[in-house]
C-alpha cells in the first residue's frame, strides 16, 4: 500500500478517511460487505510503502493502524433535502477558519476538482450537512473519505481542531459519477479530548449509501 501525496489531510500526512478506506480494503472490506474498524496509531504517511501484517498496518517497523471487521458502523445521521445541504454549505465554518485548509476532503484551498470539495455547514440542531458532487473515479475509498470530515466538523465547528483517531464504516453501495449526494454528520458525545461523531452519505433518491461512527482527538497546540 502507498498513499499518493494528493490524498492528504493535515499537511504532509494522509487524510484519515481515505487512508482508513485503503487499509480496510486491504483487510477485506468491500462495497456491500460488513463494517470495518480502523484505528490510526500515527498520522498515515504519504508516498511511503506500507503493508498489512495480521490486522496491523506498518510502515517499516512503525505501527500505523489496526484494522478489524466490526459489527455495526453507528446509527447513522438523518438526511436533509439537497437544497438544505446546499444552503448550509454556504456557511461552512472552514471558509473562514480551517485547521487544515488543503485537506483532500474538505479543504477550501484545494485546486478546482482536485479534492472532494465537501464543505459541511452547521444546521440549527447542531448536525452538519453538505452537498457532494460525486467524482468520476468514485470508489470505496472515496466513500470512506466522504464520511470522514462531515462528522468531524460537528466537533471542529465548536472552535477546536481535531484529527481522526478511529473510524468504523460500512459502504452499502457506490453512487454514480456526477450524482448529487448529501452527507450529514452529528456529534454523539464530546468529552475531554475525544469527540464521537456519526456521518452518513445519501444518494440522490435519499437511499443510504454509507455510514460511519468515528472518534476524533483534539489537537493540543
N, C-alpha and C. Protein backbone atom coordinates (compact mmCIF):
# COMPACT_ATOMS: atom_id res chain seq x y z
N UNK A 1 0.84 -1.19 0.00
CA UNK A 1 0.00 0.00 0.00
C UNK A 1 0.87 1.24 0.00
N UNK A 2 0.39 2.26 -0.72
CA UNK A 2 1.09 3.54 -0.75
C UNK A 2 0.06 4.62 -0.99
N UNK A 3 0.04 5.64 -0.14
CA UNK A 3 -0.93 6.72 -0.25
C UNK A 3 -0.30 7.86 -1.07
N UNK A 4 -0.80 8.13 -2.28
CA UNK A 4 -0.25 9.25 -3.05
C UNK A 4 -0.41 10.58 -2.32
N UNK A 5 0.49 11.51 -2.60
CA UNK A 5 0.50 12.79 -1.89
C UNK A 5 -0.79 13.58 -2.07
N UNK A 6 -1.53 13.30 -3.14
CA UNK A 6 -2.79 14.01 -3.37
C UNK A 6 -3.77 13.83 -2.22
N UNK A 7 -3.74 12.67 -1.56
CA UNK A 7 -4.77 12.33 -0.58
C UNK A 7 -4.35 12.73 0.83
N UNK A 8 -4.02 13.99 1.00
CA UNK A 8 -3.56 14.48 2.30
C UNK A 8 -4.72 14.96 3.15
N UNK A 9 -4.48 14.97 4.44
CA UNK A 9 -5.36 15.62 5.40
C UNK A 9 -4.59 16.81 5.95
N UNK A 10 -4.10 16.72 7.20
CA UNK A 10 -3.14 17.73 7.66
C UNK A 10 -1.90 17.71 6.75
N UNK A 11 -1.22 18.83 6.62
CA UNK A 11 -0.07 18.90 5.70
C UNK A 11 0.95 17.79 5.97
N UNK A 12 1.31 17.10 4.90
CA UNK A 12 2.36 16.09 4.99
C UNK A 12 1.90 14.73 5.45
N UNK A 13 0.61 14.56 5.77
CA UNK A 13 0.10 13.26 6.20
C UNK A 13 -1.19 12.94 5.45
N UNK A 14 -1.57 11.66 5.47
CA UNK A 14 -2.73 11.22 4.71
C UNK A 14 -4.04 11.63 5.35
N UNK A 15 -5.05 11.84 4.50
CA UNK A 15 -6.41 12.06 5.01
C UNK A 15 -6.87 10.81 5.74
N UNK A 16 -7.36 10.99 6.96
CA UNK A 16 -7.70 9.83 7.78
C UNK A 16 -8.75 8.94 7.16
N UNK A 17 -9.79 9.52 6.58
CA UNK A 17 -10.86 8.73 5.98
C UNK A 17 -10.39 7.95 4.77
N UNK A 18 -9.69 8.64 3.87
CA UNK A 18 -9.20 7.96 2.67
C UNK A 18 -8.26 6.82 3.05
N UNK A 19 -7.28 7.11 3.92
CA UNK A 19 -6.32 6.09 4.30
C UNK A 19 -6.99 4.92 4.99
N UNK A 20 -7.96 5.21 5.85
CA UNK A 20 -8.68 4.13 6.53
C UNK A 20 -9.42 3.25 5.53
N UNK A 21 -9.98 3.86 4.48
CA UNK A 21 -10.61 3.06 3.43
C UNK A 21 -9.63 2.17 2.71
N UNK A 22 -8.43 2.68 2.46
CA UNK A 22 -7.39 1.86 1.82
C UNK A 22 -7.01 0.70 2.74
N UNK A 23 -6.82 1.00 4.03
CA UNK A 23 -6.41 -0.06 4.96
C UNK A 23 -7.52 -1.10 5.12
N UNK A 24 -8.77 -0.64 5.21
CA UNK A 24 -9.88 -1.58 5.34
C UNK A 24 -9.99 -2.46 4.10
N UNK A 25 -9.82 -1.86 2.91
CA UNK A 25 -9.86 -2.64 1.69
C UNK A 25 -8.80 -3.73 1.65
N UNK A 26 -7.62 -3.40 2.13
CA UNK A 26 -6.55 -4.39 2.17
C UNK A 26 -6.88 -5.54 3.12
N UNK A 27 -7.72 -5.24 4.13
CA UNK A 27 -8.10 -6.26 5.11
C UNK A 27 -9.35 -7.03 4.70
N UNK A 28 -9.96 -6.66 3.58
CA UNK A 28 -11.11 -7.42 3.09
C UNK A 28 -12.41 -6.66 3.01
N UNK A 29 -12.44 -5.39 3.37
CA UNK A 29 -13.68 -4.61 3.24
C UNK A 29 -14.06 -4.47 1.77
N UNK A 30 -15.36 -4.43 1.52
CA UNK A 30 -15.85 -4.29 0.15
C UNK A 30 -17.19 -3.60 0.16
N UNK A 31 -17.58 -3.06 -0.98
CA UNK A 31 -18.88 -2.43 -1.11
C UNK A 31 -19.96 -3.49 -0.94
N UNK A 32 -20.90 -3.23 -0.06
CA UNK A 32 -21.95 -4.19 0.23
C UNK A 32 -21.58 -5.20 1.28
N UNK A 33 -20.37 -5.12 1.80
CA UNK A 33 -19.90 -6.06 2.80
C UNK A 33 -20.07 -5.53 4.21
N UNK A 34 -19.51 -6.23 5.20
CA UNK A 34 -19.66 -5.81 6.59
C UNK A 34 -18.86 -4.56 6.90
N UNK A 35 -19.15 -3.98 8.04
CA UNK A 35 -18.40 -2.82 8.51
C UNK A 35 -17.00 -3.23 8.93
N UNK A 36 -16.08 -2.28 8.80
CA UNK A 36 -14.71 -2.47 9.27
C UNK A 36 -14.32 -1.29 10.15
N UNK A 37 -13.49 -1.57 11.13
CA UNK A 37 -12.99 -0.53 12.03
C UNK A 37 -11.50 -0.35 11.81
N UNK A 38 -11.08 0.91 11.73
CA UNK A 38 -9.67 1.25 11.57
C UNK A 38 -9.29 2.21 12.69
N UNK A 39 -8.25 1.87 13.43
CA UNK A 39 -7.71 2.74 14.48
C UNK A 39 -6.35 3.23 14.02
N UNK A 40 -6.22 4.54 13.90
CA UNK A 40 -4.96 5.13 13.47
C UNK A 40 -4.06 5.34 14.69
N UNK A 41 -2.86 4.80 14.62
CA UNK A 41 -1.91 4.92 15.72
C UNK A 41 -0.93 6.07 15.54
N UNK A 42 -0.66 6.43 14.30
CA UNK A 42 0.13 7.61 13.96
C UNK A 42 -0.50 8.23 12.72
N UNK A 43 -0.22 9.49 12.43
CA UNK A 43 -0.72 10.07 11.18
C UNK A 43 -0.22 9.25 9.99
N UNK A 44 -1.11 8.82 9.10
CA UNK A 44 -0.68 7.98 7.98
C UNK A 44 0.32 8.72 7.09
N UNK A 45 1.44 8.10 6.78
CA UNK A 45 2.43 8.77 5.94
C UNK A 45 2.03 8.76 4.47
N UNK A 46 2.47 9.76 3.75
CA UNK A 46 2.24 9.84 2.31
C UNK A 46 3.45 9.30 1.55
N UNK A 47 3.16 8.73 0.37
CA UNK A 47 4.22 8.26 -0.54
C UNK A 47 5.22 7.35 0.17
N UNK A 48 4.70 6.51 1.06
CA UNK A 48 5.55 5.61 1.85
C UNK A 48 4.98 4.19 1.76
N UNK A 49 5.78 3.20 1.38
CA UNK A 49 5.27 1.83 1.32
C UNK A 49 4.80 1.34 2.69
N UNK A 50 3.63 0.72 2.71
CA UNK A 50 3.08 0.14 3.94
C UNK A 50 2.56 -1.25 3.63
N UNK A 51 2.50 -2.10 4.65
CA UNK A 51 1.98 -3.44 4.44
C UNK A 51 1.11 -3.85 5.62
N UNK A 52 0.20 -4.79 5.34
CA UNK A 52 -0.73 -5.29 6.35
C UNK A 52 -0.19 -6.59 6.91
N UNK A 53 0.00 -6.64 8.23
CA UNK A 53 0.51 -7.83 8.90
C UNK A 53 -0.43 -8.19 10.05
N UNK A 54 -1.16 -9.27 9.90
CA UNK A 54 -2.04 -9.76 10.97
C UNK A 54 -2.94 -8.67 11.53
N UNK A 55 -3.59 -7.93 10.65
CA UNK A 55 -4.53 -6.92 11.08
C UNK A 55 -3.92 -5.59 11.47
N UNK A 56 -2.62 -5.44 11.25
CA UNK A 56 -1.95 -4.19 11.56
C UNK A 56 -1.24 -3.66 10.33
N UNK A 57 -1.32 -2.35 10.13
CA UNK A 57 -0.66 -1.69 9.01
C UNK A 57 0.66 -1.11 9.51
N UNK A 58 1.74 -1.46 8.81
CA UNK A 58 3.06 -0.99 9.21
C UNK A 58 3.73 -0.24 8.07
N UNK A 59 4.48 0.79 8.42
CA UNK A 59 5.42 1.44 7.50
C UNK A 59 6.80 1.14 8.05
N UNK A 60 7.44 0.14 7.47
CA UNK A 60 8.66 -0.36 8.08
C UNK A 60 8.32 -0.98 9.42
N UNK A 61 8.94 -0.52 10.48
CA UNK A 61 8.65 -1.04 11.81
C UNK A 61 7.67 -0.16 12.59
N UNK A 62 7.16 0.88 11.96
CA UNK A 62 6.21 1.77 12.63
C UNK A 62 4.78 1.27 12.47
N UNK A 63 4.09 1.09 13.58
CA UNK A 63 2.68 0.70 13.54
C UNK A 63 1.85 1.93 13.17
N UNK A 64 1.18 1.86 12.02
CA UNK A 64 0.39 2.99 11.52
C UNK A 64 -1.08 2.85 11.92
N UNK A 65 -1.63 1.63 11.80
CA UNK A 65 -3.07 1.45 12.06
C UNK A 65 -3.36 0.00 12.37
N UNK A 66 -4.50 -0.21 13.02
CA UNK A 66 -5.03 -1.54 13.28
C UNK A 66 -6.40 -1.65 12.62
N UNK A 67 -6.68 -2.80 12.01
CA UNK A 67 -7.88 -2.97 11.20
C UNK A 67 -8.59 -4.26 11.61
N UNK A 68 -9.91 -4.19 11.73
CA UNK A 68 -10.68 -5.40 12.04
C UNK A 68 -12.10 -5.24 11.53
N UNK A 69 -12.75 -6.37 11.31
CA UNK A 69 -14.17 -6.34 10.97
C UNK A 69 -14.96 -5.90 12.19
N UNK A 70 -16.08 -5.21 11.97
CA UNK A 70 -16.88 -4.68 13.07
C UNK A 70 -18.34 -5.08 12.90
N UNK A 71 -19.08 -5.01 13.99
CA UNK A 71 -20.49 -5.42 13.95
C UNK A 71 -21.36 -4.36 13.28
N UNK A 72 -21.18 -3.11 13.66
CA UNK A 72 -22.00 -2.02 13.13
C UNK A 72 -21.13 -0.79 12.92
N UNK A 73 -21.68 0.19 12.19
CA UNK A 73 -20.93 1.42 11.91
C UNK A 73 -21.73 2.63 12.37
N UNK A 74 -22.24 2.59 13.59
CA UNK A 74 -23.01 3.71 14.11
C UNK A 74 -24.46 3.64 13.68
N UNK A 75 -25.25 4.56 14.20
CA UNK A 75 -26.69 4.57 13.94
C UNK A 75 -27.06 5.38 12.71
N UNK A 76 -26.12 6.11 12.16
CA UNK A 76 -26.42 6.96 11.02
C UNK A 76 -26.99 8.29 11.45
N UNK A 77 -26.95 9.24 10.53
CA UNK A 77 -27.46 10.59 10.78
C UNK A 77 -28.61 10.84 9.80
N UNK A 78 -29.75 11.31 10.27
CA UNK A 78 -30.90 11.51 9.37
C UNK A 78 -30.55 12.43 8.20
N UNK A 79 -31.21 12.22 7.07
CA UNK A 79 -30.92 13.02 5.88
C UNK A 79 -31.59 14.39 5.94
N UNK A 80 -31.16 15.26 5.04
CA UNK A 80 -31.84 16.52 4.80
C UNK A 80 -31.98 16.66 3.29
N UNK A 81 -32.90 17.48 2.81
CA UNK A 81 -33.01 17.70 1.37
C UNK A 81 -31.73 18.33 0.81
N UNK A 82 -31.48 18.07 -0.46
CA UNK A 82 -30.30 18.63 -1.11
C UNK A 82 -30.26 20.15 -0.98
N UNK A 83 -31.41 20.80 -1.15
CA UNK A 83 -31.45 22.26 -1.06
C UNK A 83 -31.02 22.74 0.32
N UNK A 84 -31.39 22.00 1.36
CA UNK A 84 -30.98 22.36 2.73
C UNK A 84 -29.48 22.22 2.90
N UNK A 85 -28.93 21.13 2.34
CA UNK A 85 -27.49 20.92 2.42
C UNK A 85 -26.72 22.00 1.68
N UNK A 86 -27.22 22.39 0.51
CA UNK A 86 -26.57 23.45 -0.27
C UNK A 86 -26.56 24.76 0.51
N UNK A 87 -27.69 25.09 1.12
CA UNK A 87 -27.78 26.34 1.88
C UNK A 87 -26.85 26.30 3.09
N UNK A 88 -26.82 25.16 3.79
CA UNK A 88 -25.93 25.04 4.95
C UNK A 88 -24.47 25.18 4.56
N UNK A 89 -24.12 24.61 3.43
CA UNK A 89 -22.73 24.62 2.98
C UNK A 89 -22.22 26.04 2.71
N UNK A 90 -23.11 26.96 2.40
CA UNK A 90 -22.69 28.34 2.14
C UNK A 90 -22.04 28.97 3.37
N UNK A 91 -22.41 28.47 4.56
CA UNK A 91 -21.87 28.99 5.80
C UNK A 91 -20.86 28.02 6.42
N UNK A 92 -20.22 27.23 5.60
CA UNK A 92 -19.21 26.27 6.08
C UNK A 92 -18.17 27.00 6.93
N UNK A 93 -17.97 26.61 8.18
CA UNK A 93 -17.01 27.31 9.04
C UNK A 93 -15.58 27.29 8.49
N UNK A 94 -15.26 26.27 7.70
CA UNK A 94 -13.92 26.16 7.15
C UNK A 94 -13.57 27.23 6.14
N UNK A 95 -14.58 27.94 5.62
CA UNK A 95 -14.29 29.03 4.69
C UNK A 95 -13.58 30.20 5.38
N UNK A 96 -13.83 30.36 6.67
CA UNK A 96 -13.24 31.48 7.40
C UNK A 96 -12.17 31.06 8.40
N UNK A 97 -12.14 29.79 8.76
CA UNK A 97 -11.12 29.31 9.68
C UNK A 97 -11.01 27.80 9.61
N UNK A 98 -9.98 27.31 8.97
CA UNK A 98 -9.81 25.87 8.75
C UNK A 98 -8.45 25.44 9.30
N UNK A 99 -8.42 24.40 10.18
CA UNK A 99 -7.12 23.97 10.72
C UNK A 99 -6.21 23.34 9.66
N UNK A 100 -6.81 22.76 8.61
CA UNK A 100 -6.04 22.09 7.56
C UNK A 100 -6.64 22.44 6.20
N UNK A 101 -6.44 23.65 5.70
CA UNK A 101 -7.19 24.15 4.55
C UNK A 101 -6.89 23.47 3.22
N UNK A 102 -5.90 22.59 3.16
CA UNK A 102 -5.66 21.85 1.92
C UNK A 102 -6.11 20.40 2.00
N UNK A 103 -6.92 20.06 3.01
CA UNK A 103 -7.43 18.70 3.17
C UNK A 103 -8.11 18.22 1.89
N UNK A 104 -7.83 16.98 1.50
CA UNK A 104 -8.40 16.39 0.29
C UNK A 104 -9.92 16.40 0.29
N UNK A 105 -10.53 16.22 1.46
CA UNK A 105 -11.99 16.11 1.53
C UNK A 105 -12.65 17.48 1.66
N UNK A 106 -12.21 18.29 2.62
CA UNK A 106 -12.96 19.49 2.98
C UNK A 106 -12.13 20.77 2.90
N UNK A 107 -10.96 20.72 2.29
CA UNK A 107 -10.10 21.89 2.24
C UNK A 107 -10.55 22.92 1.21
N UNK A 108 -10.85 24.14 1.62
CA UNK A 108 -11.28 25.16 0.65
C UNK A 108 -10.14 25.69 -0.22
N UNK A 109 -8.89 25.35 0.10
CA UNK A 109 -7.76 25.82 -0.69
C UNK A 109 -7.25 24.77 -1.69
N UNK A 110 -8.01 23.69 -1.85
CA UNK A 110 -7.63 22.70 -2.86
C UNK A 110 -7.85 23.27 -4.26
N UNK A 111 -6.99 22.94 -5.23
CA UNK A 111 -7.26 23.35 -6.62
C UNK A 111 -8.58 22.76 -7.10
N UNK A 112 -9.21 23.44 -8.04
CA UNK A 112 -10.51 23.01 -8.56
C UNK A 112 -10.45 21.56 -9.03
N UNK A 113 -11.42 20.78 -8.59
CA UNK A 113 -11.61 19.38 -8.99
C UNK A 113 -10.47 18.47 -8.55
N UNK A 114 -9.62 18.91 -7.63
CA UNK A 114 -8.53 18.05 -7.15
C UNK A 114 -8.92 17.32 -5.87
N UNK A 115 -9.91 17.83 -5.14
CA UNK A 115 -10.38 17.19 -3.92
C UNK A 115 -11.85 16.86 -4.03
N UNK A 116 -12.44 16.41 -2.93
CA UNK A 116 -13.86 16.05 -2.93
C UNK A 116 -14.76 17.27 -2.75
N UNK A 117 -14.23 18.37 -2.25
CA UNK A 117 -15.00 19.62 -2.10
C UNK A 117 -16.29 19.39 -1.33
N UNK A 118 -16.18 18.73 -0.19
CA UNK A 118 -17.32 18.55 0.71
C UNK A 118 -17.18 19.58 1.82
N UNK A 119 -18.10 20.55 1.85
CA UNK A 119 -17.99 21.67 2.77
C UNK A 119 -19.21 21.69 3.70
N UNK A 120 -19.14 20.99 4.84
CA UNK A 120 -20.31 20.83 5.70
C UNK A 120 -20.61 22.07 6.54
N UNK A 121 -21.82 22.58 6.38
CA UNK A 121 -22.29 23.67 7.23
C UNK A 121 -23.07 23.10 8.41
N UNK A 122 -23.29 23.94 9.40
CA UNK A 122 -23.95 23.51 10.63
C UNK A 122 -25.43 23.88 10.58
N UNK A 123 -26.29 22.90 10.83
CA UNK A 123 -27.73 23.11 10.88
C UNK A 123 -28.14 23.63 12.26
N UNK A 124 -29.37 24.08 12.37
CA UNK A 124 -29.85 24.64 13.64
C UNK A 124 -29.78 23.65 14.78
N UNK A 125 -29.93 22.36 14.49
CA UNK A 125 -29.90 21.35 15.55
C UNK A 125 -28.50 20.84 15.85
N UNK A 126 -27.47 21.44 15.23
CA UNK A 126 -26.09 21.04 15.50
C UNK A 126 -25.53 20.02 14.55
N UNK A 127 -26.40 19.38 13.77
CA UNK A 127 -25.89 18.46 12.74
C UNK A 127 -25.17 19.25 11.65
N UNK A 128 -24.36 18.55 10.87
CA UNK A 128 -23.75 19.16 9.70
C UNK A 128 -24.37 18.55 8.44
N UNK A 129 -24.31 19.31 7.36
CA UNK A 129 -24.83 18.81 6.09
C UNK A 129 -24.06 19.48 4.96
N UNK A 130 -23.84 18.70 3.91
CA UNK A 130 -23.12 19.22 2.74
C UNK A 130 -23.58 18.49 1.49
N UNK A 131 -23.65 19.20 0.38
CA UNK A 131 -23.85 18.52 -0.91
C UNK A 131 -22.52 17.94 -1.36
N UNK A 132 -22.59 16.90 -2.16
CA UNK A 132 -21.37 16.29 -2.70
C UNK A 132 -21.63 15.85 -4.14
N UNK A 133 -20.93 16.47 -5.07
CA UNK A 133 -20.98 16.03 -6.46
C UNK A 133 -19.95 14.91 -6.63
N UNK A 134 -20.42 13.72 -6.93
CA UNK A 134 -19.58 12.52 -6.93
C UNK A 134 -18.59 12.57 -8.10
N UNK A 135 -17.30 12.35 -7.82
CA UNK A 135 -16.30 12.39 -8.89
C UNK A 135 -16.37 11.17 -9.80
N UNK A 136 -15.74 11.28 -10.95
CA UNK A 136 -15.76 10.18 -11.91
C UNK A 136 -15.04 8.95 -11.45
N UNK A 137 -14.07 9.10 -10.53
CA UNK A 137 -13.30 7.95 -10.05
C UNK A 137 -13.78 7.48 -8.68
N UNK A 138 -15.09 7.60 -8.43
CA UNK A 138 -15.63 7.20 -7.13
C UNK A 138 -15.30 5.75 -6.83
N UNK A 139 -14.99 5.50 -5.55
CA UNK A 139 -14.56 4.17 -5.12
C UNK A 139 -14.95 3.98 -3.66
N UNK A 140 -14.69 2.80 -3.13
CA UNK A 140 -14.95 2.58 -1.71
C UNK A 140 -14.14 3.55 -0.88
N UNK A 141 -12.88 3.82 -1.28
CA UNK A 141 -12.04 4.75 -0.54
C UNK A 141 -12.64 6.16 -0.56
N UNK A 142 -13.23 6.55 -1.69
CA UNK A 142 -13.90 7.85 -1.78
C UNK A 142 -15.01 7.95 -0.74
N UNK A 143 -15.74 6.87 -0.56
CA UNK A 143 -16.86 6.88 0.37
C UNK A 143 -16.37 6.99 1.82
N UNK A 144 -15.31 6.28 2.15
CA UNK A 144 -14.74 6.41 3.49
C UNK A 144 -14.28 7.85 3.71
N UNK A 145 -13.69 8.46 2.70
CA UNK A 145 -13.23 9.84 2.82
C UNK A 145 -14.42 10.78 2.99
N UNK A 146 -15.48 10.56 2.21
CA UNK A 146 -16.66 11.41 2.30
C UNK A 146 -17.32 11.32 3.67
N UNK A 147 -17.22 10.19 4.33
CA UNK A 147 -17.78 10.01 5.66
C UNK A 147 -16.95 10.69 6.74
N UNK A 148 -15.72 11.00 6.43
CA UNK A 148 -14.75 11.45 7.43
C UNK A 148 -15.05 12.86 7.95
N UNK A 149 -14.78 13.85 7.15
CA UNK A 149 -14.81 15.24 7.62
C UNK A 149 -16.19 15.77 8.02
N UNK A 150 -17.29 15.41 7.34
CA UNK A 150 -18.59 15.93 7.78
C UNK A 150 -18.93 15.56 9.22
N UNK A 151 -18.51 14.39 9.66
CA UNK A 151 -18.69 14.05 11.07
C UNK A 151 -17.76 14.87 11.95
N UNK A 152 -16.50 14.98 11.52
CA UNK A 152 -15.52 15.72 12.30
C UNK A 152 -15.91 17.17 12.51
N UNK A 153 -16.52 17.79 11.50
CA UNK A 153 -16.88 19.21 11.63
C UNK A 153 -17.99 19.45 12.63
N UNK A 154 -18.73 18.42 13.02
CA UNK A 154 -19.71 18.58 14.09
C UNK A 154 -19.01 18.92 15.40
N UNK A 155 -17.73 18.54 15.50
CA UNK A 155 -16.92 18.90 16.67
C UNK A 155 -16.03 20.10 16.38
N UNK A 156 -15.39 20.13 15.21
CA UNK A 156 -14.46 21.21 14.88
C UNK A 156 -15.15 22.56 14.85
N UNK A 157 -16.41 22.58 14.42
CA UNK A 157 -17.15 23.84 14.33
C UNK A 157 -17.31 24.53 15.67
N UNK A 158 -17.05 23.83 16.75
CA UNK A 158 -17.16 24.44 18.08
C UNK A 158 -15.91 25.23 18.45
N UNK A 159 -14.92 25.24 17.54
CA UNK A 159 -13.75 26.08 17.75
C UNK A 159 -12.49 25.34 18.15
N UNK A 160 -12.50 24.02 18.11
CA UNK A 160 -11.34 23.22 18.49
C UNK A 160 -10.93 22.34 17.32
N UNK A 161 -9.65 22.32 17.00
CA UNK A 161 -9.15 21.44 15.93
C UNK A 161 -9.09 20.00 16.44
N UNK A 162 -9.52 19.07 15.58
CA UNK A 162 -9.49 17.64 15.88
C UNK A 162 -8.88 16.90 14.69
N UNK A 163 -8.36 15.70 14.97
CA UNK A 163 -7.92 14.79 13.91
C UNK A 163 -8.55 13.43 14.15
N UNK A 164 -8.72 12.66 13.09
CA UNK A 164 -9.35 11.35 13.19
C UNK A 164 -8.47 10.38 13.96
N UNK A 165 -9.09 9.66 14.90
CA UNK A 165 -8.37 8.63 15.63
C UNK A 165 -8.85 7.22 15.30
N UNK A 166 -10.16 7.08 15.11
CA UNK A 166 -10.74 5.77 14.79
C UNK A 166 -12.00 5.98 13.97
N UNK A 167 -12.23 5.10 13.02
CA UNK A 167 -13.46 5.17 12.23
C UNK A 167 -13.94 3.75 11.92
N UNK A 168 -15.23 3.55 12.09
CA UNK A 168 -15.88 2.31 11.71
C UNK A 168 -16.90 2.65 10.63
N UNK A 169 -16.77 2.02 9.48
CA UNK A 169 -17.61 2.40 8.34
C UNK A 169 -18.10 1.18 7.58
N UNK A 170 -19.25 1.36 6.95
CA UNK A 170 -19.81 0.37 6.04
C UNK A 170 -20.30 1.10 4.80
N UNK A 171 -19.89 0.62 3.64
CA UNK A 171 -20.32 1.19 2.37
C UNK A 171 -21.30 0.22 1.74
N UNK A 172 -22.55 0.62 1.63
CA UNK A 172 -23.59 -0.27 1.13
C UNK A 172 -23.64 -0.28 -0.39
N UNK A 173 -23.39 0.86 -1.02
CA UNK A 173 -23.42 0.97 -2.48
C UNK A 173 -22.67 2.21 -2.89
N UNK A 174 -22.16 2.22 -4.13
CA UNK A 174 -21.50 3.39 -4.68
C UNK A 174 -22.49 4.23 -5.48
N UNK A 175 -22.41 5.55 -5.37
CA UNK A 175 -23.21 6.40 -6.25
C UNK A 175 -22.61 6.40 -7.65
N UNK A 176 -23.34 6.97 -8.58
CA UNK A 176 -22.83 7.11 -9.94
C UNK A 176 -22.02 8.40 -10.05
N UNK A 177 -20.99 8.41 -10.90
CA UNK A 177 -20.26 9.66 -11.13
C UNK A 177 -21.23 10.77 -11.54
N UNK A 178 -21.04 11.94 -10.94
CA UNK A 178 -21.90 13.08 -11.23
C UNK A 178 -23.15 13.17 -10.38
N UNK A 179 -23.46 12.12 -9.60
CA UNK A 179 -24.63 12.19 -8.72
C UNK A 179 -24.48 13.32 -7.71
N UNK A 180 -25.60 13.93 -7.36
CA UNK A 180 -25.62 14.95 -6.31
C UNK A 180 -26.09 14.28 -5.02
N UNK A 181 -25.13 13.99 -4.15
CA UNK A 181 -25.42 13.32 -2.89
C UNK A 181 -25.47 14.34 -1.76
N UNK A 182 -25.93 13.88 -0.61
CA UNK A 182 -25.93 14.67 0.62
C UNK A 182 -25.19 13.89 1.69
N UNK A 183 -24.30 14.57 2.40
CA UNK A 183 -23.58 13.96 3.51
C UNK A 183 -23.96 14.69 4.79
N UNK A 184 -24.35 13.94 5.80
CA UNK A 184 -24.73 14.53 7.09
C UNK A 184 -23.81 14.02 8.19
N UNK A 185 -23.63 14.83 9.22
CA UNK A 185 -22.80 14.46 10.35
C UNK A 185 -23.43 14.93 11.65
N UNK A 186 -23.04 14.32 12.75
CA UNK A 186 -23.58 14.72 14.05
C UNK A 186 -22.63 14.28 15.15
N UNK A 187 -22.52 15.11 16.18
CA UNK A 187 -21.75 14.74 17.36
C UNK A 187 -22.61 13.87 18.27
N UNK A 188 -22.08 12.73 18.67
CA UNK A 188 -22.76 11.84 19.60
C UNK A 188 -22.37 12.19 21.03
N UNK A 189 -21.08 12.43 21.24
CA UNK A 189 -20.58 12.79 22.57
C UNK A 189 -19.25 13.51 22.41
N UNK A 190 -19.06 14.57 23.17
CA UNK A 190 -17.77 15.25 23.24
C UNK A 190 -17.37 15.29 24.71
N UNK A 191 -16.26 14.63 25.03
CA UNK A 191 -15.83 14.52 26.42
C UNK A 191 -14.30 14.58 26.46
N UNK A 192 -13.79 15.53 27.20
CA UNK A 192 -12.34 15.68 27.25
C UNK A 192 -11.80 15.99 25.87
N UNK A 193 -10.78 15.25 25.46
CA UNK A 193 -10.17 15.46 24.15
C UNK A 193 -10.82 14.63 23.05
N UNK A 194 -11.82 13.81 23.40
CA UNK A 194 -12.41 12.90 22.42
C UNK A 194 -13.80 13.37 21.98
N UNK A 195 -14.05 13.26 20.69
CA UNK A 195 -15.38 13.53 20.13
C UNK A 195 -15.82 12.30 19.36
N UNK A 196 -16.98 11.76 19.73
CA UNK A 196 -17.58 10.65 19.00
C UNK A 196 -18.61 11.24 18.05
N UNK A 197 -18.49 10.91 16.76
CA UNK A 197 -19.37 11.51 15.76
C UNK A 197 -19.88 10.43 14.81
N UNK A 198 -21.03 10.68 14.23
CA UNK A 198 -21.61 9.82 13.20
C UNK A 198 -21.67 10.59 11.89
N UNK A 199 -21.71 9.87 10.79
CA UNK A 199 -21.89 10.50 9.47
C UNK A 199 -22.54 9.51 8.53
N UNK A 200 -23.24 10.04 7.53
CA UNK A 200 -23.95 9.21 6.57
C UNK A 200 -23.94 9.88 5.20
N UNK A 201 -23.78 9.07 4.15
CA UNK A 201 -23.88 9.55 2.78
C UNK A 201 -25.19 9.05 2.19
N UNK A 202 -25.97 9.98 1.63
CA UNK A 202 -27.24 9.64 0.99
C UNK A 202 -27.16 9.91 -0.51
N UNK A 203 -27.77 9.02 -1.30
CA UNK A 203 -27.81 9.17 -2.73
C UNK A 203 -28.90 10.14 -3.16
N UNK A 204 -28.99 10.43 -4.47
CA UNK A 204 -29.97 11.40 -4.97
C UNK A 204 -31.42 11.03 -4.66
N UNK A 205 -31.69 9.74 -4.52
CA UNK A 205 -33.06 9.30 -4.21
C UNK A 205 -33.31 9.18 -2.71
N UNK A 206 -32.33 9.58 -1.91
CA UNK A 206 -32.48 9.51 -0.46
C UNK A 206 -32.07 8.18 0.14
N UNK A 207 -31.50 7.29 -0.68
CA UNK A 207 -31.06 5.99 -0.18
C UNK A 207 -29.74 6.13 0.57
N UNK A 208 -29.62 5.40 1.68
CA UNK A 208 -28.40 5.44 2.48
C UNK A 208 -27.32 4.62 1.79
N UNK A 209 -26.24 5.29 1.42
CA UNK A 209 -25.15 4.63 0.69
C UNK A 209 -24.02 4.18 1.60
N UNK A 210 -23.78 4.91 2.67
CA UNK A 210 -22.67 4.57 3.56
C UNK A 210 -22.88 5.26 4.89
N UNK A 211 -22.34 4.66 5.95
CA UNK A 211 -22.48 5.26 7.27
C UNK A 211 -21.24 4.96 8.09
N UNK A 212 -20.97 5.81 9.09
CA UNK A 212 -19.77 5.64 9.90
C UNK A 212 -19.97 6.20 11.29
N UNK A 213 -19.21 5.68 12.22
CA UNK A 213 -19.03 6.28 13.54
C UNK A 213 -17.53 6.44 13.74
N UNK A 214 -17.13 7.59 14.24
CA UNK A 214 -15.70 7.88 14.36
C UNK A 214 -15.39 8.54 15.69
N UNK A 215 -14.15 8.37 16.11
CA UNK A 215 -13.61 9.07 17.27
C UNK A 215 -12.55 10.03 16.79
N UNK A 216 -12.72 11.30 17.13
CA UNK A 216 -11.76 12.34 16.78
C UNK A 216 -11.05 12.80 18.04
N UNK A 217 -9.78 13.17 17.91
CA UNK A 217 -8.96 13.57 19.03
C UNK A 217 -8.58 15.03 18.89
N UNK A 218 -8.81 15.83 19.95
CA UNK A 218 -8.48 17.24 19.90
C UNK A 218 -6.98 17.43 19.79
N UNK A 219 -6.60 18.40 18.97
CA UNK A 219 -5.19 18.72 18.77
C UNK A 219 -4.74 19.68 19.86
N UNK A 220 -3.68 19.33 20.55
CA UNK A 220 -3.12 20.20 21.58
C UNK A 220 -2.06 21.10 20.95
N UNK A 221 -2.25 22.39 21.05
CA UNK A 221 -1.31 23.34 20.45
C UNK A 221 -0.23 23.73 21.47
